[in-house]
PDB file of N, CA and C in Angstrom:
ATOM      1  N   MET A   1       0.838  -1.182   0.000  1.00  0.00           N
ATOM      2  CA  MET A   1       0.000   0.000   0.000  1.00  0.00           C
ATOM      3  C   MET A   1       0.885   1.248   0.000  1.00  0.00           C
ATOM      4  N   SER A   2       0.577   2.177  -0.846  1.00  0.00           N
ATOM      5  CA  SER A   2       1.394   3.386  -0.897  1.00  0.00           C
ATOM      6  C   SER A   2       0.884   4.409   0.113  1.00  0.00           C
ATOM      7  N   ILE A   3       1.659   5.410   0.359  1.00  0.00           N
ATOM      8  CA  ILE A   3       1.318   6.441   1.331  1.00  0.00           C
ATOM      9  C   ILE A   3       0.157   7.309   0.827  1.00  0.00           C
ATOM     10  N   ASP A   4      -0.010   7.464  -0.479  1.00  0.00           N
ATOM     11  CA  ASP A   4      -1.042   8.320  -1.055  1.00  0.00           C
ATOM     12  C   ASP A   4      -2.440   7.699  -1.016  1.00  0.00           C
ATOM     13  N   THR A   5      -2.555   6.420  -0.785  1.00  0.00           N
ATOM     14  CA  THR A   5      -3.856   5.752  -0.769  1.00  0.00           C
ATOM     15  C   THR A   5      -4.576   6.074   0.537  1.00  0.00           C
ATOM     16  N   PRO A   6      -5.792   6.634   0.457  1.00  0.00           N
ATOM     17  CA  PRO A   6      -6.520   6.962   1.690  1.00  0.00           C
ATOM     18  C   PRO A   6      -6.989   5.688   2.395  1.00  0.00           C
ATOM     19  N   THR A   7      -7.057   5.766   3.689  1.00  0.00           N
ATOM     20  CA  THR A   7      -7.535   4.628   4.473  1.00  0.00           C
ATOM     21  C   THR A   7      -9.057   4.543   4.365  1.00  0.00           C
ATOM     22  N   PRO A   8      -9.642   3.371   4.582  1.00  0.00           N
ATOM     23  CA  PRO A   8     -11.109   3.249   4.500  1.00  0.00           C
ATOM     24  C   PRO A   8     -11.838   4.164   5.474  1.00  0.00           C
ATOM     25  N   ALA A   9     -11.283   4.440   6.643  1.00  0.00           N
ATOM     26  CA  ALA A   9     -11.926   5.317   7.619  1.00  0.00           C
ATOM     27  C   ALA A   9     -12.010   6.747   7.085  1.00  0.00           C
ATOM     28  N   ALA A  10     -11.027   7.171   6.342  1.00  0.00           N
ATOM     29  CA  ALA A  10     -11.023   8.526   5.801  1.00  0.00           C
ATOM     30  C   ALA A  10     -12.093   8.686   4.720  1.00  0.00           C
ATOM     31  N   LYS A  11     -12.411   7.622   4.010  1.00  0.00           N
ATOM     32  CA  LYS A  11     -13.431   7.696   2.969  1.00  0.00           C
ATOM     33  C   LYS A  11     -14.837   7.829   3.553  1.00  0.00           C
ATOM     34  N   THR A  12     -15.075   7.290   4.719  1.00  0.00           N
ATOM     35  CA  THR A  12     -16.419   7.318   5.292  1.00  0.00           C
ATOM     36  C   THR A  12     -16.727   8.617   6.018  1.00  0.00           C
ATOM     37  N   LYS A  13     -15.751   9.431   6.357  1.00  0.00           N
ATOM     38  CA  LYS A  13     -16.007  10.681   7.073  1.00  0.00           C
ATOM     39  C   LYS A  13     -16.956  11.615   6.334  1.00  0.00           C
ATOM     40  N   PRO A  14     -16.746  11.897   5.048  1.00  0.00           N
ATOM     41  CA  PRO A  14     -17.691  12.787   4.359  1.00  0.00           C
ATOM     42  C   PRO A  14     -19.110  12.209   4.336  1.00  0.00           C
ATOM     43  N   THR A  15     -19.254  10.901   4.204  1.00  0.00           N
ATOM     44  CA  THR A  15     -20.572  10.278   4.193  1.00  0.00           C
ATOM     45  C   THR A  15     -21.273  10.483   5.522  1.00  0.00           C
ATOM     46  N   VAL A  16     -20.567  10.288   6.608  1.00  0.00           N
ATOM     47  CA  VAL A  16     -21.148  10.478   7.932  1.00  0.00           C
ATOM     48  C   VAL A  16     -21.513  11.944   8.139  1.00  0.00           C
ATOM     49  N   LYS A  17     -20.666  12.847   7.675  1.00  0.00           N
ATOM     50  CA  LYS A  17     -20.935  14.275   7.817  1.00  0.00           C
ATOM     51  C   LYS A  17     -22.209  14.649   7.061  1.00  0.00           C
ATOM     52  N   TRP A  18     -22.370  14.179   5.829  1.00  0.00           N
ATOM     53  CA  TRP A  18     -23.559  14.504   5.045  1.00  0.00           C
ATOM     54  C   TRP A  18     -24.809  13.827   5.606  1.00  0.00           C
ATOM     55  N   LEU A  19     -24.655  12.628   6.128  1.00  0.00           N
ATOM     56  CA  LEU A  19     -25.780  11.943   6.755  1.00  0.00           C
ATOM     57  C   LEU A  19     -26.250  12.707   7.989  1.00  0.00           C
ATOM     58  N   LEU A  20     -25.316  13.166   8.804  1.00  0.00           N
ATOM     59  CA  LEU A  20     -25.646  13.959   9.982  1.00  0.00           C
ATOM     60  C   LEU A  20     -26.274  15.294   9.580  1.00  0.00           C
ATOM     61  N   PHE A  21     -25.739  15.932   8.561  1.00  0.00           N
ATOM     62  CA  PHE A  21     -26.283  17.194   8.057  1.00  0.00           C
ATOM     63  C   PHE A  21     -27.721  17.001   7.548  1.00  0.00           C
ATOM     64  N   GLY A  22     -27.955  15.940   6.782  1.00  0.00           N
ATOM     65  CA  GLY A  22     -29.291  15.662   6.255  1.00  0.00           C
ATOM     66  C   GLY A  22     -30.294  15.348   7.351  1.00  0.00           C
ATOM     67  N   THR A  23     -29.886  14.547   8.321  1.00  0.00           N
ATOM     68  CA  THR A  23     -30.768  14.206   9.435  1.00  0.00           C
ATOM     69  C   THR A  23     -31.117  15.448  10.246  1.00  0.00           C
ATOM     70  N   THR A  24     -30.143  16.295  10.483  1.00  0.00           N
ATOM     71  CA  THR A  24     -30.386  17.539  11.214  1.00  0.00           C
ATOM     72  C   THR A  24     -31.346  18.445  10.446  1.00  0.00           C
ATOM     73  N   GLY A  25     -31.181  18.512   9.144  1.00  0.00           N
ATOM     74  CA  GLY A  25     -32.076  19.321   8.321  1.00  0.00           C
ATOM     75  C   GLY A  25     -33.512  18.812   8.359  1.00  0.00           C
ATOM     76  N   ILE A  26     -33.685  17.510   8.314  1.00  0.00           N
ATOM     77  CA  ILE A  26     -35.021  16.920   8.383  1.00  0.00           C
ATOM     78  C   ILE A  26     -35.652  17.201   9.737  1.00  0.00           C
ATOM     79  N   LEU A  27     -34.897  17.035  10.813  1.00  0.00           N
ATOM     80  CA  LEU A  27     -35.429  17.293  12.152  1.00  0.00           C
ATOM     81  C   LEU A  27     -35.823  18.760  12.331  1.00  0.00           C
ATOM     82  N   ILE A  28     -35.014  19.671  11.832  1.00  0.00           N
ATOM     83  CA  ILE A  28     -35.336  21.099  11.938  1.00  0.00           C
ATOM     84  C   ILE A  28     -36.605  21.411  11.150  1.00  0.00           C
ATOM     85  N   THR A  29     -36.734  20.821   9.968  1.00  0.00           N
ATOM     86  CA  THR A  29     -37.946  21.030   9.160  1.00  0.00           C
ATOM     87  C   THR A  29     -39.176  20.527   9.895  1.00  0.00           C
ATOM     88  N   LEU A  30     -39.090  19.334  10.495  1.00  0.00           N
ATOM     89  CA  LEU A  30     -40.210  18.787  11.251  1.00  0.00           C
ATOM     90  C   LEU A  30     -40.547  19.648  12.461  1.00  0.00           C
ATOM     91  N   LEU A  31     -39.535  20.150  13.148  1.00  0.00           N
ATOM     92  CA  LEU A  31     -39.773  21.010  14.307  1.00  0.00           C
ATOM     93  C   LEU A  31     -40.475  22.310  13.918  1.00  0.00           C
ATOM     94  N   LEU A  32     -40.060  22.909  12.819  1.00  0.00           N
ATOM     95  CA  LEU A  32     -40.614  24.194  12.409  1.00  0.00           C
ATOM     96  C   LEU A  32     -42.005  24.089  11.788  1.00  0.00           C
ATOM     97  N   THR A  33     -42.377  22.919  11.290  1.00  0.00           N
ATOM     98  CA  THR A  33     -43.669  22.765  10.623  1.00  0.00           C
ATOM     99  C   THR A  33     -44.666  21.967  11.452  1.00  0.00           C
ATOM    100  N   ASN A  34     -44.381  21.734  12.718  1.00  0.00           N
ATOM    101  CA  ASN A  34     -45.300  20.997  13.582  1.00  0.00           C
ATOM    102  C   ASN A  34     -46.564  21.835  13.802  1.00  0.00           C
ATOM    103  N   PRO A  35     -47.758  21.287  13.476  1.00  0.00           N
ATOM    104  CA  PRO A  35     -48.995  22.063  13.613  1.00  0.00           C
ATOM    105  C   PRO A  35     -49.314  22.409  15.065  1.00  0.00           C
ATOM    106  N   SER A  36     -49.989  23.517  15.247  1.00  0.00           N
ATOM    107  CA  SER A  36     -50.356  23.976  16.584  1.00  0.00           C
ATOM    108  C   SER A  36     -51.628  23.270  17.056  1.00  0.00           C
ATOM    109  N   GLN A  37     -51.969  23.498  18.316  1.00  0.00           N
ATOM    110  CA  GLN A  37     -53.174  22.944  18.895  1.00  0.00           C
ATOM    111  C   GLN A  37     -54.409  23.481  18.167  1.00  0.00           C
ATOM    112  N   THR A  38     -54.386  24.744  17.813  1.00  0.00           N
ATOM    113  CA  THR A  38     -55.501  25.360  17.092  1.00  0.00           C
ATOM    114  C   THR A  38     -55.729  24.678  15.745  1.00  0.00           C
ATOM    115  N   ALA A  39     -54.654  24.355  15.040  1.00  0.00           N
ATOM    116  CA  ALA A  39     -54.784  23.679  13.748  1.00  0.00           C
ATOM    117  C   ALA A  39     -55.428  22.303  13.917  1.00  0.00           C
ATOM    118  N   HIS A  40     -55.068  21.610  14.982  1.00  0.00           N
ATOM    119  CA  HIS A  40     -55.664  20.293  15.251  1.00  0.00           C
ATOM    120  C   HIS A  40     -57.166  20.424  15.510  1.00  0.00           C
ATOM    121  N   PHE A  41     -57.546  21.333  16.392  1.00  0.00           N
ATOM    122  CA  PHE A  41     -58.957  21.468  16.734  1.00  0.00           C
ATOM    123  C   PHE A  41     -59.784  21.977  15.551  1.00  0.00           C
ATOM    124  N   THR A  42     -59.202  22.809  14.703  1.00  0.00           N
ATOM    125  CA  THR A  42     -59.899  23.263  13.503  1.00  0.00           C
ATOM    126  C   THR A  42     -60.140  22.091  12.549  1.00  0.00           C
ATOM    127  N   ALA A  43     -59.139  21.259  12.357  1.00  0.00           N
ATOM    128  CA  ALA A  43     -59.288  20.093  11.478  1.00  0.00           C
ATOM    129  C   ALA A  43     -60.307  19.107  12.034  1.00  0.00           C
ATOM    130  N   ILE A  44     -60.299  18.911  13.351  1.00  0.00           N
ATOM    131  CA  ILE A  44     -61.269  18.006  13.975  1.00  0.00           C
ATOM    132  C   ILE A  44     -62.681  18.560  13.812  1.00  0.00           C
ATOM    133  N   GLN A  45     -62.835  19.859  13.991  1.00  0.00           N
ATOM    134  CA  GLN A  45     -64.158  20.472  13.855  1.00  0.00           C
ATOM    135  C   GLN A  45     -64.665  20.355  12.414  1.00  0.00           C
ATOM    136  N   GLU A  46     -63.803  20.571  11.435  1.00  0.00           N
ATOM    137  CA  GLU A  46     -64.205  20.435  10.039  1.00  0.00           C
ATOM    138  C   GLU A  46     -64.580  18.994   9.713  1.00  0.00           C
ATOM    139  N   ALA A  47     -63.831  18.033  10.230  1.00  0.00           N
ATOM    140  CA  ALA A  47     -64.146  16.626   9.995  1.00  0.00           C
ATOM    141  C   ALA A  47     -65.457  16.254  10.676  1.00  0.00           C
ATOM    142  N   ARG A  48     -65.682  16.810  11.847  1.00  0.00           N
ATOM    143  CA  ARG A  48     -66.933  16.536  12.569  1.00  0.00           C
ATOM    144  C   ARG A  48     -68.125  17.078  11.792  1.00  0.00           C
ATOM    145  N   LYS A  49     -67.986  18.282  11.252  1.00  0.00           N
ATOM    146  CA  LYS A  49     -69.076  18.878  10.473  1.00  0.00           C
ATOM    147  C   LYS A  49     -69.361  18.069   9.215  1.00  0.00           C
ATOM    148  N   ALA A  50     -68.313  17.544   8.588  1.00  0.00           N
ATOM    149  CA  ALA A  50     -68.498  16.748   7.374  1.00  0.00           C
ATOM    150  C   ALA A  50     -69.167  15.404   7.685  1.00  0.00           C
ATOM    151  N   ARG A  51     -68.817  14.803   8.813  1.00  0.00           N
ATOM    152  CA  ARG A  51     -69.360  13.484   9.153  1.00  0.00           C
ATOM    153  C   ARG A  51     -70.701  13.561   9.866  1.00  0.00           C
ATOM    154  N   PHE A  52     -70.885  14.577  10.703  1.00  0.00           N
ATOM    155  CA  PHE A  52     -72.097  14.706  11.514  1.00  0.00           C
ATOM    156  C   PHE A  52     -72.645  16.127  11.404  1.00  0.00           C
ATOM    157  N   PRO A  53     -73.277  16.473  10.278  1.00  0.00           N
ATOM    158  CA  PRO A  53     -73.716  17.862  10.094  1.00  0.00           C
ATOM    159  C   PRO A  53     -74.814  18.296  11.062  1.00  0.00           C
ATOM    160  N   ALA A  54     -75.555  17.362  11.651  1.00  0.00           N
ATOM    161  CA  ALA A  54     -76.654  17.725  12.538  1.00  0.00           C
ATOM    162  C   ALA A  54     -76.221  17.888  13.991  1.00  0.00           C
ATOM    163  N   ALA A  55     -74.952  17.640  14.305  1.00  0.00           N
ATOM    164  CA  ALA A  55     -74.483  17.738  15.688  1.00  0.00           C
ATOM    165  C   ALA A  55     -74.512  19.193  16.158  1.00  0.00           C
ATOM    166  N   LEU A  56     -74.813  19.392  17.406  1.00  0.00           N
ATOM    167  CA  LEU A  56     -74.898  20.731  17.979  1.00  0.00           C
ATOM    168  C   LEU A  56     -73.512  21.276  18.299  1.00  0.00           C
ATOM    169  N   PRO A  57     -73.285  22.571  18.101  1.00  0.00           N
ATOM    170  CA  PRO A  57     -71.983  23.159  18.444  1.00  0.00           C
ATOM    171  C   PRO A  57     -71.657  23.021  19.928  1.00  0.00           C
ATOM    172  N   GLU A  58     -72.673  23.047  20.786  1.00  0.00           N
ATOM    173  CA  GLU A  58     -72.433  22.917  22.224  1.00  0.00           C
ATOM    174  C   GLU A  58     -71.829  21.551  22.553  1.00  0.00           C
ATOM    175  N   ALA A  59     -72.257  20.527  21.824  1.00  0.00           N
ATOM    176  CA  ALA A  59     -71.711  19.187  22.054  1.00  0.00           C
ATOM    177  C   ALA A  59     -70.230  19.158  21.715  1.00  0.00           C
ATOM    178  N   TYR A  60     -69.844  19.870  20.660  1.00  0.00           N
ATOM    179  CA  TYR A  60     -68.432  19.918  20.297  1.00  0.00           C
ATOM    180  C   TYR A  60     -67.624  20.653  21.364  1.00  0.00           C
ATOM    181  N   ILE A  61     -68.174  21.725  21.899  1.00  0.00           N
ATOM    182  CA  ILE A  61     -67.463  22.474  22.948  1.00  0.00           C
ATOM    183  C   ILE A  61     -67.254  21.595  24.171  1.00  0.00           C
ATOM    184  N   MET A  62     -68.278  20.859  24.563  1.00  0.00           N
ATOM    185  CA  MET A  62     -68.151  19.961  25.718  1.00  0.00           C
ATOM    186  C   MET A  62     -67.141  18.849  25.427  1.00  0.00           C
ATOM    187  N   LEU A  63     -67.162  18.330  24.214  1.00  0.00           N
ATOM    188  CA  LEU A  63     -66.246  17.259  23.839  1.00  0.00           C
ATOM    189  C   LEU A  63     -64.812  17.764  23.775  1.00  0.00           C
ATOM    190  N   SER A  64     -64.610  18.981  23.300  1.00  0.00           N
ATOM    191  CA  SER A  64     -63.259  19.516  23.176  1.00  0.00           C
ATOM    192  C   SER A  64     -62.593  19.690  24.537  1.00  0.00           C
ATOM    193  N   LEU A  65     -63.380  19.753  25.591  1.00  0.00           N
ATOM    194  CA  LEU A  65     -62.797  19.836  26.932  1.00  0.00           C
ATOM    195  C   LEU A  65     -62.172  18.515  27.354  1.00  0.00           C
ATOM    196  N   THR A  66     -62.594  17.407  26.731  1.00  0.00           N
ATOM    197  CA  THR A  66     -62.047  16.097  27.091  1.00  0.00           C
ATOM    198  C   THR A  66     -60.893  15.680  26.189  1.00  0.00           C
ATOM    199  N   LEU A  67     -60.618  16.440  25.130  1.00  0.00           N
ATOM    200  CA  LEU A  67     -59.525  16.109  24.222  1.00  0.00           C
ATOM    201  C   LEU A  67     -58.201  16.626  24.776  1.00  0.00           C
ATOM    202  N   GLU A  68     -57.132  15.881  24.487  1.00  0.00           N
ATOM    203  CA  GLU A  68     -55.802  16.268  24.969  1.00  0.00           C
ATOM    204  C   GLU A  68     -54.862  16.442  23.789  1.00  0.00           C
ATOM    205  N   TYR A  69     -54.163  17.571  23.764  1.00  0.00           N
ATOM    206  CA  TYR A  69     -53.163  17.869  22.736  1.00  0.00           C
ATOM    207  C   TYR A  69     -51.803  17.421  23.244  1.00  0.00           C
ATOM    208  N   HIS A  70     -51.070  16.682  22.417  1.00  0.00           N
ATOM    209  CA  HIS A  70     -49.735  16.204  22.776  1.00  0.00           C
ATOM    210  C   HIS A  70     -48.749  16.692  21.718  1.00  0.00           C
ATOM    211  N   ASN A  71     -47.749  17.456  22.143  1.00  0.00           N
ATOM    212  CA  ASN A  71     -46.727  17.966  21.240  1.00  0.00           C
ATOM    213  C   ASN A  71     -45.446  17.188  21.487  1.00  0.00           C
ATOM    214  N   TYR A  72     -45.006  16.437  20.482  1.00  0.00           N
ATOM    215  CA  TYR A  72     -43.789  15.645  20.593  1.00  0.00           C
ATOM    216  C   TYR A  72     -42.617  16.287  19.859  1.00  0.00           C
ATOM    217  N   GLY A  73     -42.739  17.546  19.521  1.00  0.00           N
ATOM    218  CA  GLY A  73     -41.661  18.269  18.856  1.00  0.00           C
ATOM    219  C   GLY A  73     -41.709  18.110  17.351  1.00  0.00           C
ATOM    220  N   ILE A  74     -41.493  16.899  16.854  1.00  0.00           N
ATOM    221  CA  ILE A  74     -41.471  16.683  15.407  1.00  0.00           C
ATOM    222  C   ILE A  74     -42.834  16.283  14.863  1.00  0.00           C
ATOM    223  N   PHE A  75     -43.773  15.926  15.732  1.00  0.00           N
ATOM    224  CA  PHE A  75     -45.153  15.685  15.346  1.00  0.00           C
ATOM    225  C   PHE A  75     -46.032  15.907  16.566  1.00  0.00           C
ATOM    226  N   SER A  76     -47.343  15.978  16.356  1.00  0.00           N
ATOM    227  CA  SER A  76     -48.264  16.210  17.460  1.00  0.00           C
ATOM    228  C   SER A  76     -49.536  15.407  17.234  1.00  0.00           C
ATOM    229  N   THR A  77     -50.257  15.140  18.328  1.00  0.00           N
ATOM    230  CA  THR A  77     -51.494  14.375  18.249  1.00  0.00           C
ATOM    231  C   THR A  77     -52.545  15.006  19.157  1.00  0.00           C
ATOM    232  N   VAL A  78     -53.796  14.666  18.891  1.00  0.00           N
ATOM    233  CA  VAL A  78     -54.893  14.978  19.801  1.00  0.00           C
ATOM    234  C   VAL A  78     -55.580  13.651  20.091  1.00  0.00           C
ATOM    235  N   THR A  79     -55.722  13.343  21.373  1.00  0.00           N
ATOM    236  CA  THR A  79     -56.349  12.088  21.764  1.00  0.00           C
ATOM    237  C   THR A  79     -57.619  12.355  22.547  1.00  0.00           C
ATOM    238  N   GLY A  80     -58.539  11.440  22.432  1.00  0.00           N
ATOM    239  CA  GLY A  80     -59.796  11.481  23.160  1.00  0.00           C
ATOM    240  C   GLY A  80     -60.055  10.127  23.767  1.00  0.00           C
ATOM    241  N   ALA A  81     -61.253   9.942  24.277  1.00  0.00           N
ATOM    242  CA  ALA A  81     -61.592   8.679  24.932  1.00  0.00           C
ATOM    243  C   ALA A  81     -61.560   7.503  23.951  1.00  0.00           C
ATOM    244  N   SER A  82     -61.856   7.758  22.684  1.00  0.00           N
ATOM    245  CA  SER A  82     -61.906   6.669  21.708  1.00  0.00           C
ATOM    246  C   SER A  82     -60.588   6.453  20.976  1.00  0.00           C
ATOM    247  N   GLY A  83     -59.529   7.167  21.337  1.00  0.00           N
ATOM    248  CA  GLY A  83     -58.223   6.980  20.705  1.00  0.00           C
ATOM    249  C   GLY A  83     -57.662   8.274  20.154  1.00  0.00           C
ATOM    250  N   THR A  84     -56.764   8.145  19.205  1.00  0.00           N
ATOM    251  CA  THR A  84     -56.116   9.299  18.586  1.00  0.00           C
ATOM    252  C   THR A  84     -57.048   9.899  17.542  1.00  0.00           C
ATOM    253  N   TRP A  85     -57.368  11.167  17.688  1.00  0.00           N
ATOM    254  CA  TRP A  85     -58.305  11.851  16.797  1.00  0.00           C
ATOM    255  C   TRP A  85     -57.597  12.504  15.628  1.00  0.00           C
ATOM    256  N   SER A  86     -56.381  13.006  15.862  1.00  0.00           N
ATOM    257  CA  SER A  86     -55.658  13.656  14.766  1.00  0.00           C
ATOM    258  C   SER A  86     -54.158  13.499  14.969  1.00  0.00           C
ATOM    259  N   LEU A  87     -53.462  13.555  13.828  1.00  0.00           N
ATOM    260  CA  LEU A  87     -52.014  13.451  13.801  1.00  0.00           C
ATOM    261  C   LEU A  87     -51.505  14.600  12.947  1.00  0.00           C
ATOM    262  N   GLY A  88     -50.546  15.360  13.466  1.00  0.00           N
ATOM    263  CA  GLY A  88     -50.030  16.518  12.747  1.00  0.00           C
ATOM    264  C   GLY A  88     -48.540  16.427  12.517  1.00  0.00           C
ATOM    265  N   TYR A  89     -48.133  16.720  11.284  1.00  0.00           N
ATOM    266  CA  TYR A  89     -46.719  16.736  10.907  1.00  0.00           C
ATOM    267  C   TYR A  89     -46.576  17.526   9.618  1.00  0.00           C
ATOM    268  N   LEU A  90     -45.426  18.119   9.406  1.00  0.00           N
ATOM    269  CA  LEU A  90     -45.125  18.894   8.200  1.00  0.00           C
ATOM    270  C   LEU A  90     -46.208  19.912   7.850  1.00  0.00           C
ATOM    271  N   GLY A  91     -46.782  20.541   8.868  1.00  0.00           N
ATOM    272  CA  GLY A  91     -47.788  21.560   8.652  1.00  0.00           C
ATOM    273  C   GLY A  91     -49.169  21.023   8.300  1.00  0.00           C
ATOM    274  N   ARG A  92     -49.338  19.713   8.295  1.00  0.00           N
ATOM    275  CA  ARG A  92     -50.618  19.091   7.963  1.00  0.00           C
ATOM    276  C   ARG A  92     -51.219  18.441   9.199  1.00  0.00           C
ATOM    277  N   VAL A  93     -52.542  18.382   9.218  1.00  0.00           N
ATOM    278  CA  VAL A  93     -53.258  17.676  10.283  1.00  0.00           C
ATOM    279  C   VAL A  93     -54.194  16.677   9.624  1.00  0.00           C
ATOM    280  N   GLN A  94     -54.047  15.421   9.982  1.00  0.00           N
ATOM    281  CA  GLN A  94     -54.907  14.381   9.441  1.00  0.00           C
ATOM    282  C   GLN A  94     -55.776  13.852  10.578  1.00  0.00           C
ATOM    283  N   THR A  95     -57.079  13.816  10.336  1.00  0.00           N
ATOM    284  CA  THR A  95     -57.982  13.250  11.326  1.00  0.00           C
ATOM    285  C   THR A  95     -58.092  11.751  11.092  1.00  0.00           C
ATOM    286  N   THR A  96     -58.469  11.035  12.151  1.00  0.00           N
ATOM    287  CA  THR A  96     -58.580   9.585  12.078  1.00  0.00           C
ATOM    288  C   THR A  96     -60.023   9.155  12.199  1.00  0.00           C
ATOM    289  N   ASP A  97     -60.251   7.868  12.106  1.00  0.00           N
ATOM    290  CA  ASP A  97     -61.595   7.327  12.231  1.00  0.00           C
ATOM    291  C   ASP A  97     -62.039   7.210  13.678  1.00  0.00           C
ATOM    292  N   ALA A  98     -61.226   7.644  14.615  1.00  0.00           N
ATOM    293  CA  ALA A  98     -61.600   7.589  16.036  1.00  0.00           C
ATOM    294  C   ALA A  98     -62.641   8.646  16.404  1.00  0.00           C
ATOM    295  N   ILE A  99     -62.911   9.590  15.495  1.00  0.00           N
ATOM    296  CA  ILE A  99     -63.928  10.607  15.755  1.00  0.00           C
ATOM    297  C   ILE A  99     -65.287   9.921  15.698  1.00  0.00           C
ATOM    298  N   ARG A 100     -65.959   9.910  16.813  1.00  0.00           N
ATOM    299  CA  ARG A 100     -67.250   9.238  16.932  1.00  0.00           C
ATOM    300  C   ARG A 100     -68.384  10.244  16.929  1.00  0.00           C
ATOM    301  N   GLY A 101     -69.592   9.752  16.815  1.00  0.00           N
ATOM    302  CA  GLY A 101     -70.765  10.612  16.851  1.00  0.00           C
ATOM    303  C   GLY A 101     -70.980  11.195  18.236  1.00  0.00           C
ATOM    304  N   PHE A 102     -71.834  12.175  18.314  1.00  0.00           N
ATOM    305  CA  PHE A 102     -72.090  12.868  19.571  1.00  0.00           C
ATOM    306  C   PHE A 102     -73.358  12.337  20.174  1.00  0.00           C
TER     307      PHE A 102
END
């Protein structure tokens, strides 16, 4: 082996650096685009109106008192008695089938 030939460890350093850089970039993007509690409750209310148009607004207000918002930094959820109602990531909020009738 000649002195000019790089060692295998030296070849992997740039790969590890770029992998760390990419992972950090993804985490920062997820942190900055995590939906707020208001976005979750708005999405749940819109889904409720689409599924149960005859439900009373007062019932939703009473139900929203039992819902819990959980912020995990890179994503967030809202849970109720019947399970996870919504999942938020990358600025989006998706409601689940756990939303039950009133």
